[in-house]
Amino acid sequence: MKTAVIIPSRYGSSRFPGKPLALIKGKPLILRVLERVEKCKKIDFFAVATDDKRIFEAVKGFGYNAFMTPENCKSGTDRIAFTASKFLKNYGIFINVQGDEPLIDPALIDELSAEMRKNKKLGYITAAFPFKKGEDVKNPNTVKVVFDKDGYALYFSRSLIPYNRDNKKIKYYKHMGIYGYKKDFLADFAKSRPSLLERAENLEQLRALENGKKIKVIIAKKDSLGVDTPEDVLKAEKML
């Protein structure tokens, strides 16, 4: 079963317009992400999926693959579903690497791909990493996730979850900007409407949970950083 990594990317971010082409240590953010994905060893293809010609032309100019998608795609997953059905019909596994993750670990992408190949029943997978001491766990730009004893997601939220009523010692996990899907799961997801919780939190993975689907969460070995605001550029440059 062949694996394709697709990086959904849009220009009109409300918190950071033009983010994909913002420079991170002299290179556009989207190029930083592509260079990380290029280091993967267990994928067969990778490309950017965008609705913006500026991003499309920049990616092609860097020598990488890119696909144009409709402007009305409701989420990155919907953008990948369109790409899968239109351009990549011979691929069975799709990895969604967010276009604002310049520090994503290539080994994590390979791990998700391997897990999807190994587990025939697994339709949806993602990753998390423990918050480090001193990090702002209440920051709504950093999504939190809780999962059951078997590693399947119970909920994702921009709020702090779980609420620590009695001040217990709790390890909080942040959700990382990466997903993996089987082709059939992706097609079903794209057919469903954005759900109430998805719209409330602006988190597309909640659509799957609200429709009774299971999402496997693996614990990443390395941290990453999502560039959500202009202030995050300096943080990314420092980590690089």
C-alpha atoms as a PDB file:
ATOM      1  CA  MET A   1       0.000   0.000   0.000  1.00  0.00           C
ATOM      2  CA  LYS A   2       1.647   3.234  -1.171  1.00  0.00           C
ATOM      3  CA  THR A   3       1.917   6.290   1.085  1.00  0.00           C
ATOM      4  CA  ALA A   4       1.612   9.915  -0.006  1.00  0.00           C
ATOM      5  CA  VAL A   5       2.397  12.859   2.253  1.00  0.00           C
ATOM      6  CA  ILE A   6       0.268  15.892   1.436  1.00  0.00           C
ATOM      7  CA  ILE A   7       0.919  19.313   2.960  1.00  0.00           C
ATOM      8  CA  PRO A   8      -2.276  21.408   2.902  1.00  0.00           C
ATOM      9  CA  SER A   9      -1.440  25.088   2.654  1.00  0.00           C
ATOM     10  CA  ARG A  10      -3.534  28.250   2.371  1.00  0.00           C
ATOM     11  CA  TYR A  11      -2.533  31.881   2.155  1.00  0.00           C
ATOM     12  CA  GLY A  12      -5.405  33.511   4.045  1.00  0.00           C
ATOM     13  CA  SER A  13      -4.717  32.560   7.658  1.00  0.00           C
ATOM     14  CA  SER A  14      -6.743  34.825   9.985  1.00  0.00           C
ATOM     15  CA  ARG A  15      -3.954  34.952  12.594  1.00  0.00           C
ATOM     16  CA  PHE A  16      -1.059  35.168  10.132  1.00  0.00           C
ATOM     17  CA  PRO A  17      -1.955  36.135   6.533  1.00  0.00           C
ATOM     18  CA  GLY A  18       0.614  34.933   4.008  1.00  0.00           C
ATOM     19  CA  LYS A  19       2.109  32.542   6.560  1.00  0.00           C
ATOM     20  CA  PRO A  20       3.284  29.810   4.109  1.00  0.00           C
ATOM     21  CA  LEU A  21       5.597  32.289   2.372  1.00  0.00           C
ATOM     22  CA  ALA A  22       6.846  33.982   5.559  1.00  0.00           C
ATOM     23  CA  LEU A  23      10.607  33.657   5.903  1.00  0.00           C
ATOM     24  CA  ILE A  24      12.076  31.405   8.578  1.00  0.00           C
ATOM     25  CA  LYS A  25      15.814  32.065   8.679  1.00  0.00           C
ATOM     26  CA  GLY A  26      15.755  33.173   5.058  1.00  0.00           C
ATOM     27  CA  LYS A  27      13.562  30.368   3.696  1.00  0.00           C
ATOM     28  CA  PRO A  28       9.768  30.401   3.199  1.00  0.00           C
ATOM     29  CA  LEU A  29       7.913  28.402   5.844  1.00  0.00           C
ATOM     30  CA  ILE A  30       6.424  25.997   3.280  1.00  0.00           C
ATOM     31  CA  LEU A  31       9.912  25.235   1.947  1.00  0.00           C
ATOM     32  CA  ARG A  32      11.111  24.417   5.461  1.00  0.00           C
ATOM     33  CA  VAL A  33       8.281  21.894   5.773  1.00  0.00           C
ATOM     34  CA  LEU A  34       8.998  20.354   2.366  1.00  0.00           C
ATOM     35  CA  GLU A  35      12.664  19.914   3.247  1.00  0.00           C
ATOM     36  CA  ARG A  36      11.707  18.028   6.407  1.00  0.00           C
ATOM     37  CA  VAL A  37       9.300  15.730   4.546  1.00  0.00           C
ATOM     38  CA  GLU A  38      11.943  15.078   1.899  1.00  0.00           C
ATOM     39  CA  LYS A  39      14.051  13.330   4.560  1.00  0.00           C
ATOM     40  CA  CYS A  40      11.406  10.604   5.094  1.00  0.00           C
ATOM     41  CA  LYS A  41      12.352   7.027   4.210  1.00  0.00           C
ATOM     42  CA  LYS A  42       8.981   5.229   4.324  1.00  0.00           C
ATOM     43  CA  ILE A  43       6.857   7.302   1.956  1.00  0.00           C
ATOM     44  CA  ASP A  44       6.401   7.079  -1.801  1.00  0.00           C
ATOM     45  CA  PHE A  45       5.399  10.616  -2.746  1.00  0.00           C
ATOM     46  CA  PHE A  46       4.897  14.072  -1.267  1.00  0.00           C
ATOM     47  CA  ALA A  47       3.349  17.331  -2.426  1.00  0.00           C
ATOM     48  CA  VAL A  48       1.657  20.548  -1.358  1.00  0.00           C
ATOM     49  CA  ALA A  49      -2.107  21.005  -1.829  1.00  0.00           C
ATOM     50  CA  THR A  50      -3.187  24.648  -1.997  1.00  0.00           C
ATOM     51  CA  ASP A  51      -5.901  26.931  -3.324  1.00  0.00           C
ATOM     52  CA  ASP A  52      -3.513  29.852  -3.826  1.00  0.00           C
ATOM     53  CA  LYS A  53      -1.481  30.397  -7.003  1.00  0.00           C
ATOM     54  CA  ARG A  54       1.256  32.237  -5.105  1.00  0.00           C
ATOM     55  CA  ILE A  55       1.927  29.167  -2.976  1.00  0.00           C
ATOM     56  CA  PHE A  56       1.512  26.803  -5.934  1.00  0.00           C
ATOM     57  CA  GLU A  57       4.017  28.720  -8.062  1.00  0.00           C
ATOM     58  CA  ALA A  58       6.489  29.092  -5.192  1.00  0.00           C
ATOM     59  CA  VAL A  59       6.464  25.348  -4.470  1.00  0.00           C
ATOM     60  CA  LYS A  60       6.875  24.461  -8.149  1.00  0.00           C
ATOM     61  CA  GLY A  61       9.673  27.001  -8.363  1.00  0.00           C
ATOM     62  CA  PHE A  62      11.485  25.216  -5.535  1.00  0.00           C
ATOM     63  CA  GLY A  63      11.292  22.019  -7.614  1.00  0.00           C
ATOM     64  CA  TYR A  64       8.601  20.223  -5.581  1.00  0.00           C
ATOM     65  CA  ASN A  65       5.171  18.815  -6.445  1.00  0.00           C
ATOM     66  CA  ALA A  66       2.023  20.876  -5.897  1.00  0.00           C
ATOM     67  CA  PHE A  67      -1.695  20.523  -6.626  1.00  0.00           C
ATOM     68  CA  MET A  68      -4.353  23.206  -6.940  1.00  0.00           C
ATOM     69  CA  THR A  69      -7.512  22.530  -4.929  1.00  0.00           C
ATOM     70  CA  PRO A  70     -10.855  24.379  -4.666  1.00  0.00           C
ATOM     71  CA  GLU A  71     -11.157  27.408  -2.391  1.00  0.00           C
ATOM     72  CA  ASN A  72     -14.198  25.950  -0.656  1.00  0.00           C
ATOM     73  CA  CYS A  73     -12.366  23.035   1.003  1.00  0.00           C
ATOM     74  CA  LYS A  74     -13.501  23.285   4.625  1.00  0.00           C
ATOM     75  CA  SER A  75     -10.309  21.948   6.214  1.00  0.00           C
ATOM     76  CA  GLY A  76      -6.880  20.567   5.445  1.00  0.00           C
ATOM     77  CA  THR A  77      -8.313  17.059   5.530  1.00  0.00           C
ATOM     78  CA  ASP A  78     -10.970  18.012   2.972  1.00  0.00           C
ATOM     79  CA  ARG A  79      -8.196  19.476   0.810  1.00  0.00           C
ATOM     80  CA  ILE A  80      -6.287  16.195   0.993  1.00  0.00           C
ATOM     81  CA  ALA A  81      -9.433  14.177   0.264  1.00  0.00           C
ATOM     82  CA  PHE A  82      -9.912  16.187  -2.927  1.00  0.00           C
ATOM     83  CA  THR A  83      -6.260  15.650  -3.892  1.00  0.00           C
ATOM     84  CA  ALA A  84      -6.527  11.922  -3.216  1.00  0.00           C
ATOM     85  CA  SER A  85      -9.664  11.468  -5.332  1.00  0.00           C
ATOM     86  CA  LYS A  86      -8.545  13.735  -8.167  1.00  0.00           C
ATOM     87  CA  PHE A  87      -4.811  13.130  -8.559  1.00  0.00           C
ATOM     88  CA  LEU A  88      -3.605  10.191  -6.429  1.00  0.00           C
ATOM     89  CA  LYS A  89      -6.056   7.349  -6.926  1.00  0.00           C
ATOM     90  CA  ASN A  90      -3.354   4.650  -6.653  1.00  0.00           C
ATOM     91  CA  TYR A  91      -2.337   5.558  -3.099  1.00  0.00           C
ATOM     92  CA  GLY A  92      -3.867   3.872  -0.051  1.00  0.00           C
ATOM     93  CA  ILE A  93      -2.372   5.862   2.851  1.00  0.00           C
ATOM     94  CA  PHE A  94      -2.235   9.639   3.160  1.00  0.00           C
ATOM     95  CA  ILE A  95      -0.216  11.559   5.730  1.00  0.00           C
ATOM     96  CA  ASN A  96      -1.310  15.112   6.441  1.00  0.00           C
ATOM     97  CA  VAL A  97       1.652  17.244   7.527  1.00  0.00           C
ATOM     98  CA  GLN A  98       0.506  20.720   8.479  1.00  0.00           C
ATOM     99  CA  GLY A  99       2.075  23.460   6.407  1.00  0.00           C
ATOM    100  CA  ASP A 100       3.149  25.399   9.501  1.00  0.00           C
ATOM    101  CA  GLU A 101       5.409  22.719  11.039  1.00  0.00           C
ATOM    102  CA  PRO A 102       8.987  23.655  10.030  1.00  0.00           C
ATOM    103  CA  LEU A 103      10.447  21.357  12.707  1.00  0.00           C
ATOM    104  CA  ILE A 104       8.361  18.231  12.096  1.00  0.00           C
ATOM    105  CA  ASP A 105      10.426  15.088  12.678  1.00  0.00           C
ATOM    106  CA  PRO A 106      10.750  12.995   9.481  1.00  0.00           C
ATOM    107  CA  ALA A 107      11.004   9.875  11.661  1.00  0.00           C
ATOM    108  CA  LEU A 108       7.546  10.646  13.093  1.00  0.00           C
ATOM    109  CA  ILE A 109       6.077  10.792   9.596  1.00  0.00           C
ATOM    110  CA  ASP A 110       7.694   7.442   8.825  1.00  0.00           C
ATOM    111  CA  GLU A 111       6.343   6.015  12.091  1.00  0.00           C
ATOM    112  CA  LEU A 112       2.774   6.984  11.240  1.00  0.00           C
ATOM    113  CA  SER A 113       3.147   5.511   7.765  1.00  0.00           C
ATOM    114  CA  ALA A 114       4.529   2.245   9.168  1.00  0.00           C
ATOM    115  CA  GLU A 115       1.768   1.989  11.774  1.00  0.00           C
ATOM    116  CA  MET A 116      -0.917   2.497   9.130  1.00  0.00           C
ATOM    117  CA  ARG A 117       0.600  -0.219   6.951  1.00  0.00           C
ATOM    118  CA  LYS A 118       0.886  -2.633   9.881  1.00  0.00           C
ATOM    119  CA  ASN A 119      -2.591  -2.136  11.345  1.00  0.00           C
ATOM    120  CA  LYS A 120      -5.117  -3.023   8.646  1.00  0.00           C
ATOM    121  CA  LYS A 121      -8.091  -1.843  10.734  1.00  0.00           C
ATOM    122  CA  LEU A 122      -6.616   1.544  11.580  1.00  0.00           C
ATOM    123  CA  GLY A 123      -8.297   4.367   9.656  1.00  0.00           C
ATOM    124  CA  TYR A 124      -7.030   7.512  11.387  1.00  0.00           C
ATOM    125  CA  ILE A 125      -3.860   8.257  13.354  1.00  0.00           C
ATOM    126  CA  THR A 126      -2.157  11.315  14.847  1.00  0.00           C
ATOM    127  CA  ALA A 127       0.542  12.215  17.371  1.00  0.00           C
ATOM    128  CA  ALA A 128       1.036  14.058  20.651  1.00  0.00           C
ATOM    129  CA  PHE A 129       3.930  15.192  22.818  1.00  0.00           C
ATOM    130  CA  PRO A 130       4.041  15.978  26.570  1.00  0.00           C
ATOM    131  CA  PHE A 131       4.096  19.619  27.553  1.00  0.00           C
ATOM    132  CA  LYS A 132       7.470  20.621  28.921  1.00  0.00           C
ATOM    133  CA  LYS A 133       7.979  22.446  32.194  1.00  0.00           C
ATOM    134  CA  GLY A 134       7.321  26.136  31.763  1.00  0.00           C
ATOM    135  CA  GLU A 135       5.177  25.840  28.626  1.00  0.00           C
ATOM    136  CA  ASP A 136       1.830  27.626  28.641  1.00  0.00           C
ATOM    137  CA  VAL A 137      -0.631  24.747  28.724  1.00  0.00           C
ATOM    138  CA  LYS A 138      -3.550  27.196  28.658  1.00  0.00           C
ATOM    139  CA  ASN A 139      -2.553  28.761  25.323  1.00  0.00           C
ATOM    140  CA  PRO A 140      -5.564  28.235  22.985  1.00  0.00           C
ATOM    141  CA  ASN A 141      -3.238  28.136  19.962  1.00  0.00           C
ATOM    142  CA  THR A 142      -1.781  24.904  21.344  1.00  0.00           C
ATOM    143  CA  VAL A 143      -4.308  22.076  21.066  1.00  0.00           C
ATOM    144  CA  LYS A 144      -4.529  19.596  23.913  1.00  0.00           C
ATOM    145  CA  VAL A 145      -5.512  15.933  23.624  1.00  0.00           C
ATOM    146  CA  VAL A 146      -6.636  13.254  26.085  1.00  0.00           C
ATOM    147  CA  PHE A 147      -6.736   9.573  25.193  1.00  0.00           C
ATOM    148  CA  ASP A 148      -7.819   6.236  26.648  1.00  0.00           C
ATOM    149  CA  LYS A 149      -5.674   3.394  28.013  1.00  0.00           C
ATOM    150  CA  ASP A 150      -5.288   1.941  24.511  1.00  0.00           C
ATOM    151  CA  GLY A 151      -4.057   5.223  23.042  1.00  0.00           C
ATOM    152  CA  TYR A 152      -7.253   6.294  21.255  1.00  0.00           C
ATOM    153  CA  ALA A 153      -8.320   9.927  21.437  1.00  0.00           C
ATOM    154  CA  LEU A 154     -11.164  10.874  23.760  1.00  0.00           C
ATOM    155  CA  TYR A 155     -11.127  14.578  22.916  1.00  0.00           C
ATOM    156  CA  PHE A 156      -9.078  17.440  21.493  1.00  0.00           C
ATOM    157  CA  SER A 157      -9.486  20.988  22.749  1.00  0.00           C
ATOM    158  CA  ARG A 158      -8.030  24.462  22.772  1.00  0.00           C
ATOM    159  CA  SER A 159      -9.066  24.597  26.416  1.00  0.00           C
ATOM    160  CA  LEU A 160      -7.046  22.944  29.146  1.00  0.00           C
ATOM    161  CA  ILE A 161      -8.068  19.285  29.404  1.00  0.00           C
ATOM    162  CA  PRO A 162      -8.443  17.599  31.787  1.00  0.00           C
ATOM    163  CA  TYR A 163      -9.501  20.244  34.307  1.00  0.00           C
ATOM    164  CA  ASN A 164      -7.383  19.630  37.392  1.00  0.00           C
ATOM    165  CA  ARG A 165      -9.952  20.251  40.121  1.00  0.00           C
ATOM    166  CA  ASP A 166      -7.889  18.986  43.083  1.00  0.00           C
ATOM    167  CA  ASN A 167      -4.469  20.031  41.805  1.00  0.00           C
ATOM    168  CA  LYS A 168      -3.291  16.482  41.093  1.00  0.00           C
ATOM    169  CA  LYS A 169      -0.050  15.717  39.300  1.00  0.00           C
ATOM    170  CA  ILE A 170      -1.155  15.470  35.664  1.00  0.00           C
ATOM    171  CA  LYS A 171       0.817  15.114  32.456  1.00  0.00           C
ATOM    172  CA  TYR A 172      -0.698  17.248  29.718  1.00  0.00           C
ATOM    173  CA  TYR A 173      -0.249  16.395  26.041  1.00  0.00           C
ATOM    174  CA  LYS A 174      -0.210  18.769  23.102  1.00  0.00           C
ATOM    175  CA  HIS A 175      -1.498  17.629  19.750  1.00  0.00           C
ATOM    176  CA  MET A 176       1.038  17.733  16.934  1.00  0.00           C
ATOM    177  CA  GLY A 177       0.272  18.920  13.406  1.00  0.00           C
ATOM    178  CA  ILE A 178       0.219  15.557  11.670  1.00  0.00           C
ATOM    179  CA  TYR A 179      -2.445  12.980  10.717  1.00  0.00           C
ATOM    180  CA  GLY A 180      -2.561   9.732   8.817  1.00  0.00           C
ATOM    181  CA  TYR A 181      -5.593   8.279   7.027  1.00  0.00           C
ATOM    182  CA  LYS A 182      -6.531   5.244   5.019  1.00  0.00           C
ATOM    183  CA  LYS A 183      -8.037   6.180   1.663  1.00  0.00           C
ATOM    184  CA  ASP A 184     -11.542   4.866   2.483  1.00  0.00           C
ATOM    185  CA  PHE A 185     -11.619   6.755   5.769  1.00  0.00           C
ATOM    186  CA  LEU A 186     -10.564   9.938   4.017  1.00  0.00           C
ATOM    187  CA  ALA A 187     -13.333   9.602   1.448  1.00  0.00           C
ATOM    188  CA  ASP A 188     -15.976   9.075   4.145  1.00  0.00           C
ATOM    189  CA  PHE A 189     -14.690  12.045   6.128  1.00  0.00           C
ATOM    190  CA  ALA A 190     -14.965  14.336   3.119  1.00  0.00           C
ATOM    191  CA  LYS A 191     -18.610  13.343   2.611  1.00  0.00           C
ATOM    192  CA  SER A 192     -19.596  14.399   6.145  1.00  0.00           C
ATOM    193  CA  ARG A 193     -20.481  17.947   7.119  1.00  0.00           C
ATOM    194  CA  PRO A 194     -18.441  19.993   9.612  1.00  0.00           C
ATOM    195  CA  SER A 195     -19.742  19.072  13.050  1.00  0.00           C
ATOM    196  CA  LEU A 196     -20.831  21.288  15.958  1.00  0.00           C
ATOM    197  CA  LEU A 197     -17.701  20.680  18.044  1.00  0.00           C
ATOM    198  CA  GLU A 198     -15.474  21.059  14.988  1.00  0.00           C
ATOM    199  CA  ARG A 199     -16.968  24.472  14.284  1.00  0.00           C
ATOM    200  CA  ALA A 200     -16.813  25.531  17.931  1.00  0.00           C
ATOM    201  CA  GLU A 201     -13.135  24.644  18.430  1.00  0.00           C
ATOM    202  CA  ASN A 202     -12.070  24.979  14.777  1.00  0.00           C
ATOM    203  CA  LEU A 203     -10.523  21.499  14.985  1.00  0.00           C
ATOM    204  CA  GLU A 204     -11.281  19.215  12.051  1.00  0.00           C
ATOM    205  CA  GLN A 205     -10.426  15.989  13.904  1.00  0.00           C
ATOM    206  CA  LEU A 206     -13.483  16.500  16.119  1.00  0.00           C
ATOM    207  CA  ARG A 207     -15.663  15.756  13.092  1.00  0.00           C
ATOM    208  CA  ALA A 208     -14.356  12.206  13.124  1.00  0.00           C
ATOM    209  CA  LEU A 209     -14.950  11.779  16.870  1.00  0.00           C
ATOM    210  CA  GLU A 210     -18.467  13.195  16.639  1.00  0.00           C
ATOM    211  CA  ASN A 211     -19.223  10.669  13.906  1.00  0.00           C
ATOM    212  CA  GLY A 212     -18.104   7.768  16.106  1.00  0.00           C
ATOM    213  CA  LYS A 213     -14.698   7.215  14.481  1.00  0.00           C
ATOM    214  CA  LYS A 214     -11.568   6.262  16.422  1.00  0.00           C
ATOM    215  CA  ILE A 215      -8.282   8.162  16.232  1.00  0.00           C
ATOM    216  CA  LYS A 216      -5.079   6.459  17.350  1.00  0.00           C
ATOM    217  CA  VAL A 217      -2.632   8.759  19.158  1.00  0.00           C
ATOM    218  CA  ILE A 218       1.052   7.879  19.249  1.00  0.00           C
ATOM    219  CA  ILE A 219       3.506   9.680  21.516  1.00  0.00           C
ATOM    220  CA  ALA A 220       6.208  11.389  19.486  1.00  0.00           C
ATOM    221  CA  LYS A 221       9.859  11.066  20.468  1.00  0.00           C
ATOM    222  CA  LYS A 222      10.684  14.683  19.546  1.00  0.00           C
ATOM    223  CA  ASP A 223       8.892  17.970  20.019  1.00  0.00           C
ATOM    224  CA  SER A 224       7.896  20.277  17.184  1.00  0.00           C
ATOM    225  CA  LEU A 225       6.521  23.800  16.843  1.00  0.00           C
ATOM    226  CA  GLY A 226       3.533  25.011  14.900  1.00  0.00           C
ATOM    227  CA  VAL A 227       3.904  28.543  13.526  1.00  0.00           C
ATOM    228  CA  ASP A 228       0.487  30.024  14.290  1.00  0.00           C
ATOM    229  CA  THR A 229       1.336  33.711  14.724  1.00  0.00           C
ATOM    230  CA  PRO A 230       4.109  36.092  13.599  1.00  0.00           C
ATOM    231  CA  GLU A 231       5.589  35.793  17.096  1.00  0.00           C
ATOM    232  CA  ASP A 232       6.147  32.071  16.507  1.00  0.00           C
ATOM    233  CA  VAL A 233       8.626  32.866  13.711  1.00  0.00           C
ATOM    234  CA  LEU A 234      11.245  33.902  16.266  1.00  0.00           C
ATOM    235  CA  LYS A 235      10.575  30.765  18.319  1.00  0.00           C
ATOM    236  CA  ALA A 236      11.035  28.566  15.217  1.00  0.00           C
ATOM    237  CA  GLU A 237      14.248  30.334  14.266  1.00  0.00           C
ATOM    238  CA  LYS A 238      15.607  29.844  17.764  1.00  0.00           C
ATOM    239  CA  MET A 239      14.773  26.111  17.679  1.00  0.00           C
ATOM    240  CA  LEU A 240      16.370  25.754  14.248  1.00  0.00           C
END
